[in-house]
Amino acid sequence: MKIYTALLLQMLIWSGYTFIEWLSKYDQLIYKVIMFFVFFYLAINIGNWVIKSAKKTFMVTVMSLSLYASFHFAMSHLSHW
């Protein structure tokens, strides 16, 4: 249950990242990269707070990031049709 909770919280964080990225569409790439690492750090810390295991937290964060990336990629391609 802890892994599921951490995954859901991290998906909320990645959704917030998408919203902030959309708001800053005219910013330079370096600021977007810095913003990504801030959200990644936030996802790691919240996951570690819930799971209490660094190894599991890293695996859940990679899993949530890959789910986010695949969903983001699919939605961007579907919007071009």
PDB file of N, CA and C in Angstrom:
ATOM      1  N   MET A   1       0.817  -1.195   0.000  1.00  0.00           N
ATOM      2  CA  MET A   1       0.000   0.000   0.000  1.00  0.00           C
ATOM      3  C   MET A   1       0.865   1.264   0.000  1.00  0.00           C
ATOM      4  N   LYS A   2       2.034   1.195   0.643  1.00  0.00           N
ATOM      5  CA  LYS A   2       2.922   2.349   0.677  1.00  0.00           C
ATOM      6  C   LYS A   2       3.456   2.681  -0.718  1.00  0.00           C
ATOM      7  N   ILE A   3       3.759   1.642  -1.484  1.00  0.00           N
ATOM      8  CA  ILE A   3       4.285   1.860  -2.836  1.00  0.00           C
ATOM      9  C   ILE A   3       3.207   2.494  -3.708  1.00  0.00           C
ATOM     10  N   TYR A   4       1.990   2.017  -3.597  1.00  0.00           N
ATOM     11  CA  TYR A   4       0.878   2.575  -4.360  1.00  0.00           C
ATOM     12  C   TYR A   4       0.644   4.040  -3.984  1.00  0.00           C
ATOM     13  N   THR A   5       0.690   4.352  -2.705  1.00  0.00           N
ATOM     14  CA  THR A   5       0.508   5.731  -2.238  1.00  0.00           C
ATOM     15  C   THR A   5       1.619   6.630  -2.767  1.00  0.00           C
ATOM     16  N   ALA A   6       2.855   6.156  -2.697  1.00  0.00           N
ATOM     17  CA  ALA A   6       3.984   6.935  -3.205  1.00  0.00           C
ATOM     18  C   ALA A   6       3.862   7.140  -4.710  1.00  0.00           C
ATOM     19  N   LEU A   7       3.429   6.113  -5.419  1.00  0.00           N
ATOM     20  CA  LEU A   7       3.250   6.222  -6.871  1.00  0.00           C
ATOM     21  C   LEU A   7       2.193   7.262  -7.215  1.00  0.00           C
ATOM     22  N   LEU A   8       1.089   7.253  -6.498  1.00  0.00           N
ATOM     23  CA  LEU A   8       0.033   8.243  -6.752  1.00  0.00           C
ATOM     24  C   LEU A   8       0.495   9.667  -6.434  1.00  0.00           C
ATOM     25  N   LEU A   9       1.206   9.826  -5.326  1.00  0.00           N
ATOM     26  CA  LEU A   9       1.716  11.150  -4.975  1.00  0.00           C
ATOM     27  C   LEU A   9       2.728  11.644  -6.006  1.00  0.00           C
ATOM     28  N   GLN A  10       3.567  10.742  -6.485  1.00  0.00           N
ATOM     29  CA  GLN A  10       4.540  11.137  -7.489  1.00  0.00           C
ATOM     30  C   GLN A  10       3.877  11.459  -8.819  1.00  0.00           C
ATOM     31  N   MET A  11       2.821  10.767  -9.156  1.00  0.00           N
ATOM     32  CA  MET A  11       2.098  11.113 -10.384  1.00  0.00           C
ATOM     33  C   MET A  11       1.466  12.503 -10.264  1.00  0.00           C
ATOM     34  N   LEU A  12       1.027  12.857  -9.061  1.00  0.00           N
ATOM     35  CA  LEU A  12       0.542  14.218  -8.833  1.00  0.00           C
ATOM     36  C   LEU A  12       1.669  15.240  -9.004  1.00  0.00           C
ATOM     37  N   ILE A  13       2.853  14.881  -8.542  1.00  0.00           N
ATOM     38  CA  ILE A  13       4.000  15.774  -8.705  1.00  0.00           C
ATOM     39  C   ILE A  13       4.324  15.945 -10.181  1.00  0.00           C
ATOM     40  N   TRP A  14       4.317  14.861 -10.950  1.00  0.00           N
ATOM     41  CA  TRP A  14       4.618  14.971 -12.383  1.00  0.00           C
ATOM     42  C   TRP A  14       3.519  15.735 -13.114  1.00  0.00           C
ATOM     43  N   SER A  15       2.286  15.627 -12.656  1.00  0.00           N
ATOM     44  CA  SER A  15       1.211  16.430 -13.249  1.00  0.00           C
ATOM     45  C   SER A  15       1.437  17.912 -12.972  1.00  0.00           C
ATOM     46  N   GLY A  16       1.874  18.219 -11.759  1.00  0.00           N
ATOM     47  CA  GLY A  16       2.222  19.597 -11.425  1.00  0.00           C
ATOM     48  C   GLY A  16       3.379  20.088 -12.265  1.00  0.00           C
ATOM     49  N   TYR A  17       4.348  19.216 -12.530  1.00  0.00           N
ATOM     50  CA  TYR A  17       5.469  19.577 -13.396  1.00  0.00           C
ATOM     51  C   TYR A  17       4.983  19.916 -14.806  1.00  0.00           C
ATOM     52  N   THR A  18       4.055  19.128 -15.312  1.00  0.00           N
ATOM     53  CA  THR A  18       3.513  19.399 -16.645  1.00  0.00           C
ATOM     54  C   THR A  18       2.808  20.749 -16.682  1.00  0.00           C
ATOM     55  N   PHE A  19       2.062  21.054 -15.646  1.00  0.00           N
ATOM     56  CA  PHE A  19       1.361  22.331 -15.584  1.00  0.00           C
ATOM     57  C   PHE A  19       2.350  23.497 -15.531  1.00  0.00           C
ATOM     58  N   ILE A  20       3.359  23.380 -14.693  1.00  0.00           N
ATOM     59  CA  ILE A  20       4.358  24.442 -14.574  1.00  0.00           C
ATOM     60  C   ILE A  20       5.162  24.564 -15.869  1.00  0.00           C
ATOM     61  N   GLU A  21       5.442  23.447 -16.493  1.00  0.00           N
ATOM     62  CA  GLU A  21       6.156  23.481 -17.774  1.00  0.00           C
ATOM     63  C   GLU A  21       5.320  24.184 -18.836  1.00  0.00           C
ATOM     64  N   TRP A  22       4.034  23.939 -18.819  1.00  0.00           N
ATOM     65  CA  TRP A  22       3.138  24.599 -19.765  1.00  0.00           C
ATOM     66  C   TRP A  22       3.101  26.111 -19.506  1.00  0.00           C
ATOM     67  N   LEU A  23       3.108  26.505 -18.243  1.00  0.00           N
ATOM     68  CA  LEU A  23       3.110  27.928 -17.911  1.00  0.00           C
ATOM     69  C   LEU A  23       4.411  28.614 -18.313  1.00  0.00           C
ATOM     70  N   SER A  24       5.499  27.868 -18.339  1.00  0.00           N
ATOM     71  CA  SER A  24       6.794  28.462 -18.658  1.00  0.00           C
ATOM     72  C   SER A  24       7.268  28.039 -20.048  1.00  0.00           C
ATOM     73  N   LYS A  25       6.361  28.010 -20.999  1.00  0.00           N
ATOM     74  CA  LYS A  25       6.718  27.527 -22.335  1.00  0.00           C
ATOM     75  C   LYS A  25       7.702  28.439 -23.056  1.00  0.00           C
ATOM     76  N   TYR A  26       7.836  29.682 -22.646  1.00  0.00           N
ATOM     77  CA  TYR A  26       8.765  30.602 -23.301  1.00  0.00           C
ATOM     78  C   TYR A  26      10.100  30.723 -22.569  1.00  0.00           C
ATOM     79  N   ASP A  27      10.286  29.960 -21.505  1.00  0.00           N
ATOM     80  CA  ASP A  27      11.539  30.001 -20.764  1.00  0.00           C
ATOM     81  C   ASP A  27      12.638  29.262 -21.527  1.00  0.00           C
ATOM     82  N   GLN A  28      13.869  29.550 -21.157  1.00  0.00           N
ATOM     83  CA  GLN A  28      15.001  28.883 -21.778  1.00  0.00           C
ATOM     84  C   GLN A  28      15.083  27.440 -21.296  1.00  0.00           C
ATOM     85  N   LEU A  29      15.782  26.621 -22.074  1.00  0.00           N
ATOM     86  CA  LEU A  29      15.893  25.195 -21.779  1.00  0.00           C
ATOM     87  C   LEU A  29      16.570  24.938 -20.431  1.00  0.00           C
ATOM     88  N   ILE A  30      17.552  25.714 -20.083  1.00  0.00           N
ATOM     89  CA  ILE A  30      18.278  25.490 -18.828  1.00  0.00           C
ATOM     90  C   ILE A  30      17.352  25.641 -17.623  1.00  0.00           C
ATOM     91  N   TYR A  31      16.412  26.558 -17.694  1.00  0.00           N
ATOM     92  CA  TYR A  31      15.463  26.733 -16.592  1.00  0.00           C
ATOM     93  C   TYR A  31      14.497  25.555 -16.510  1.00  0.00           C
ATOM     94  N   LYS A  32      14.133  25.000 -17.656  1.00  0.00           N
ATOM     95  CA  LYS A  32      13.259  23.827 -17.649  1.00  0.00           C
ATOM     96  C   LYS A  32      13.980  22.600 -17.085  1.00  0.00           C
ATOM     97  N   VAL A  33      15.266  22.479 -17.383  1.00  0.00           N
ATOM     98  CA  VAL A  33      16.054  21.363 -16.849  1.00  0.00           C
ATOM     99  C   VAL A  33      16.197  21.497 -15.335  1.00  0.00           C
ATOM    100  N   ILE A  34      16.483  22.700 -14.877  1.00  0.00           N
ATOM    101  CA  ILE A  34      16.581  22.932 -13.434  1.00  0.00           C
ATOM    102  C   ILE A  34      15.245  22.631 -12.756  1.00  0.00           C
ATOM    103  N   MET A  35      14.159  23.060 -13.386  1.00  0.00           N
ATOM    104  CA  MET A  35      12.837  22.807 -12.833  1.00  0.00           C
ATOM    105  C   MET A  35      12.555  21.300 -12.763  1.00  0.00           C
ATOM    106  N   PHE A  36      12.982  20.552 -13.793  1.00  0.00           N
ATOM    107  CA  PHE A  36      12.795  19.105 -13.773  1.00  0.00           C
ATOM    108  C   PHE A  36      13.516  18.490 -12.580  1.00  0.00           C
ATOM    109  N   PHE A  37      14.756  18.906 -12.341  1.00  0.00           N
ATOM    110  CA  PHE A  37      15.506  18.341 -11.223  1.00  0.00           C
ATOM    111  C   PHE A  37      14.909  18.728  -9.877  1.00  0.00           C
ATOM    112  N   VAL A  38      14.305  19.892  -9.792  1.00  0.00           N
ATOM    113  CA  VAL A  38      13.619  20.282  -8.550  1.00  0.00           C
ATOM    114  C   VAL A  38      12.427  19.356  -8.304  1.00  0.00           C
ATOM    115  N   PHE A  39      11.641  19.098  -9.338  1.00  0.00           N
ATOM    116  CA  PHE A  39      10.490  18.207  -9.189  1.00  0.00           C
ATOM    117  C   PHE A  39      10.939  16.764  -8.952  1.00  0.00           C
ATOM    118  N   PHE A  40      12.039  16.357  -9.571  1.00  0.00           N
ATOM    119  CA  PHE A  40      12.577  15.015  -9.342  1.00  0.00           C
ATOM    120  C   PHE A  40      13.012  14.861  -7.886  1.00  0.00           C
ATOM    121  N   TYR A  41      13.686  15.873  -7.357  1.00  0.00           N
ATOM    122  CA  TYR A  41      14.106  15.872  -5.951  1.00  0.00           C
ATOM    123  C   TYR A  41      12.883  15.814  -5.029  1.00  0.00           C
ATOM    124  N   LEU A  42      11.856  16.568  -5.367  1.00  0.00           N
ATOM    125  CA  LEU A  42      10.625  16.556  -4.584  1.00  0.00           C
ATOM    126  C   LEU A  42       9.967  15.174  -4.621  1.00  0.00           C
ATOM    127  N   ALA A  43       9.952  14.547  -5.786  1.00  0.00           N
ATOM    128  CA  ALA A  43       9.361  13.211  -5.916  1.00  0.00           C
ATOM    129  C   ALA A  43      10.143  12.185  -5.100  1.00  0.00           C
ATOM    130  N   ILE A  44      11.469  12.280  -5.139  1.00  0.00           N
ATOM    131  CA  ILE A  44      12.300  11.358  -4.358  1.00  0.00           C
ATOM    132  C   ILE A  44      12.039  11.541  -2.864  1.00  0.00           C
ATOM    133  N   ASN A  45      11.991  12.787  -2.410  1.00  0.00           N
ATOM    134  CA  ASN A  45      11.797  13.035  -0.976  1.00  0.00           C
ATOM    135  C   ASN A  45      10.428  12.595  -0.496  1.00  0.00           C
ATOM    136  N   ILE A  46       9.395  12.865  -1.260  1.00  0.00           N
ATOM    137  CA  ILE A  46       8.050  12.438  -0.848  1.00  0.00           C
ATOM    138  C   ILE A  46       7.942  10.917  -0.884  1.00  0.00           C
ATOM    139  N   GLY A  47       8.529  10.297  -1.908  1.00  0.00           N
ATOM    140  CA  GLY A  47       8.523   8.835  -1.959  1.00  0.00           C
ATOM    141  C   GLY A  47       9.271   8.217  -0.799  1.00  0.00           C
ATOM    142  N   ASN A  48      10.394   8.798  -0.447  1.00  0.00           N
ATOM    143  CA  ASN A  48      11.165   8.272   0.682  1.00  0.00           C
ATOM    144  C   ASN A  48      10.450   8.504   2.005  1.00  0.00           C
ATOM    145  N   TRP A  49       9.715   9.594   2.097  1.00  0.00           N
ATOM    146  CA  TRP A  49       8.934   9.872   3.302  1.00  0.00           C
ATOM    147  C   TRP A  49       7.826   8.828   3.488  1.00  0.00           C
ATOM    148  N   VAL A  50       7.231   8.385   2.387  1.00  0.00           N
ATOM    149  CA  VAL A  50       6.139   7.405   2.470  1.00  0.00           C
ATOM    150  C   VAL A  50       6.688   5.983   2.613  1.00  0.00           C
ATOM    151  N   ILE A  51       7.659   5.623   1.795  1.00  0.00           N
ATOM    152  CA  ILE A  51       8.118   4.233   1.734  1.00  0.00           C
ATOM    153  C   ILE A  51       9.154   3.906   2.804  1.00  0.00           C
ATOM    154  N   LYS A  52      10.022   4.848   3.120  1.00  0.00           N
ATOM    155  CA  LYS A  52      11.079   4.678   4.123  1.00  0.00           C
ATOM    156  C   LYS A  52      12.161   3.683   3.694  1.00  0.00           C
ATOM    157  N   SER A  53      12.381   3.569   2.395  1.00  0.00           N
ATOM    158  CA  SER A  53      13.436   2.705   1.861  1.00  0.00           C
ATOM    159  C   SER A  53      13.991   3.387   0.610  1.00  0.00           C
ATOM    160  N   ALA A  54      15.282   3.658   0.614  1.00  0.00           N
ATOM    161  CA  ALA A  54      15.887   4.393  -0.496  1.00  0.00           C
ATOM    162  C   ALA A  54      15.825   3.607  -1.809  1.00  0.00           C
ATOM    163  N   LYS A  55      16.066   2.306  -1.733  1.00  0.00           N
ATOM    164  CA  LYS A  55      16.058   1.476  -2.940  1.00  0.00           C
ATOM    165  C   LYS A  55      14.661   1.400  -3.548  1.00  0.00           C
ATOM    166  N   LYS A  56      13.663   1.141  -2.727  1.00  0.00           N
ATOM    167  CA  LYS A  56      12.288   1.078  -3.225  1.00  0.00           C
ATOM    168  C   LYS A  56      11.812   2.436  -3.730  1.00  0.00           C
ATOM    169  N   THR A  57      12.237   3.489  -3.039  1.00  0.00           N
ATOM    170  CA  THR A  57      11.863   4.834  -3.454  1.00  0.00           C
ATOM    171  C   THR A  57      12.406   5.146  -4.842  1.00  0.00           C
ATOM    172  N   PHE A  58      13.671   4.798  -5.072  1.00  0.00           N
ATOM    173  CA  PHE A  58      14.259   5.045  -6.379  1.00  0.00           C
ATOM    174  C   PHE A  58      13.540   4.252  -7.462  1.00  0.00           C
ATOM    175  N   MET A  59      13.203   2.993  -7.181  1.00  0.00           N
ATOM    176  CA  MET A  59      12.501   2.164  -8.167  1.00  0.00           C
ATOM    177  C   MET A  59      11.109   2.717  -8.455  1.00  0.00           C
ATOM    178  N   VAL A  60      10.396   3.157  -7.423  1.00  0.00           N
ATOM    179  CA  VAL A  60       9.052   3.718  -7.618  1.00  0.00           C
ATOM    180  C   VAL A  60       9.138   5.038  -8.381  1.00  0.00           C
ATOM    181  N   THR A  61      10.158   5.831  -8.103  1.00  0.00           N
ATOM    182  CA  THR A  61      10.313   7.102  -8.801  1.00  0.00           C
ATOM    183  C   THR A  61      10.619   6.879 -10.275  1.00  0.00           C
ATOM    184  N   VAL A  62      11.472   5.931 -10.578  1.00  0.00           N
ATOM    185  CA  VAL A  62      11.753   5.607 -11.981  1.00  0.00           C
ATOM    186  C   VAL A  62      10.490   5.079 -12.656  1.00  0.00           C
ATOM    187  N   MET A  63       9.722   4.263 -11.950  1.00  0.00           N
ATOM    188  CA  MET A  63       8.484   3.723 -12.510  1.00  0.00           C
ATOM    189  C   MET A  63       7.465   4.841 -12.755  1.00  0.00           C
ATOM    190  N   SER A  64       7.310   5.748 -11.802  1.00  0.00           N
ATOM    191  CA  SER A  64       6.347   6.832 -11.984  1.00  0.00           C
ATOM    192  C   SER A  64       6.800   7.784 -13.084  1.00  0.00           C
ATOM    193  N   LEU A  65       8.092   8.006 -13.184  1.00  0.00           N
ATOM    194  CA  LEU A  65       8.614   8.868 -14.245  1.00  0.00           C
ATOM    195  C   LEU A  65       8.428   8.225 -15.615  1.00  0.00           C
ATOM    196  N   SER A  66       8.610   6.916 -15.709  1.00  0.00           N
ATOM    197  CA  SER A  66       8.396   6.245 -16.994  1.00  0.00           C
ATOM    198  C   SER A  66       6.916   6.211 -17.355  1.00  0.00           C
ATOM    199  N   LEU A  67       6.040   6.024 -16.369  1.00  0.00           N
ATOM    200  CA  LEU A  67       4.598   6.100 -16.637  1.00  0.00           C
ATOM    201  C   LEU A  67       4.204   7.496 -17.104  1.00  0.00           C
ATOM    202  N   TYR A  68       4.738   8.496 -16.439  1.00  0.00           N
ATOM    203  CA  TYR A  68       4.472   9.876 -16.820  1.00  0.00           C
ATOM    204  C   TYR A  68       4.971  10.148 -18.237  1.00  0.00           C
ATOM    205  N   ALA A  69       6.194   9.718 -18.531  1.00  0.00           N
ATOM    206  CA  ALA A  69       6.778   9.971 -19.851  1.00  0.00           C
ATOM    207  C   ALA A  69       5.998   9.270 -20.948  1.00  0.00           C
ATOM    208  N   SER A  70       5.582   8.027 -20.718  1.00  0.00           N
ATOM    209  CA  SER A  70       4.821   7.309 -21.741  1.00  0.00           C
ATOM    210  C   SER A  70       3.446   7.940 -21.946  1.00  0.00           C
ATOM    211  N   PHE A  71       2.804   8.354 -20.868  1.00  0.00           N
ATOM    212  CA  PHE A  71       1.507   9.015 -20.991  1.00  0.00           C
ATOM    213  C   PHE A  71       1.656  10.361 -21.691  1.00  0.00           C
ATOM    214  N   HIS A  72       2.683  11.121 -21.321  1.00  0.00           N
ATOM    215  CA  HIS A  72       2.938  12.425 -21.926  1.00  0.00           C
ATOM    216  C   HIS A  72       3.244  12.270 -23.420  1.00  0.00           C
ATOM    217  N   PHE A  73       4.047  11.258 -23.769  1.00  0.00           N
ATOM    218  CA  PHE A  73       4.390  10.993 -25.158  1.00  0.00           C
ATOM    219  C   PHE A  73       3.152  10.582 -25.954  1.00  0.00           C
ATOM    220  N   ALA A  74       2.332   9.716 -25.378  1.00  0.00           N
ATOM    221  CA  ALA A  74       1.115   9.263 -26.076  1.00  0.00           C
ATOM    222  C   ALA A  74       0.139  10.418 -26.282  1.00  0.00           C
ATOM    223  N   MET A  75      -0.028  11.249 -25.283  1.00  0.00           N
ATOM    224  CA  MET A  75      -0.953  12.378 -25.408  1.00  0.00           C
ATOM    225  C   MET A  75      -0.447  13.418 -26.414  1.00  0.00           C
ATOM    226  N   SER A  76       0.854  13.612 -26.472  1.00  0.00           N
ATOM    227  CA  SER A  76       1.383  14.586 -27.433  1.00  0.00           C
ATOM    228  C   SER A  76       1.224  14.085 -28.851  1.00  0.00           C
ATOM    229  N   HIS A  77       1.320  12.765 -29.054  1.00  0.00           N
ATOM    230  CA  HIS A  77       1.134  12.232 -30.398  1.00  0.00           C
ATOM    231  C   HIS A  77      -0.336  12.151 -30.786  1.00  0.00           C
ATOM    232  N   LEU A  78      -1.200  11.914 -29.825  1.00  0.00           N
ATOM    233  CA  LEU A  78      -2.625  11.870 -30.131  1.00  0.00           C
ATOM    234  C   LEU A  78      -3.172  13.253 -30.455  1.00  0.00           C
ATOM    235  N   SER A  79      -2.577  14.276 -29.893  1.00  0.00           N
ATOM    236  CA  SER A  79      -3.082  15.632 -30.149  1.00  0.00           C
ATOM    237  C   SER A  79      -2.716  16.123 -31.538  1.00  0.00           C
ATOM    238  N   HIS A  80      -1.771  15.455 -32.207  1.00  0.00           N
ATOM    239  CA  HIS A  80      -1.372  15.864 -33.558  1.00  0.00           C
ATOM    240  C   HIS A  80      -2.262  15.257 -34.624  1.00  0.00           C
ATOM    241  N   TRP A  81      -3.148  14.359 -34.264  1.00  0.00           N
ATOM    242  CA  TRP A  81      -4.020  13.734 -35.257  1.00  0.00           C
ATOM    243  C   TRP A  81      -5.128  14.628 -35.586  1.00  0.00           C
TER     244      TRP A  81
END
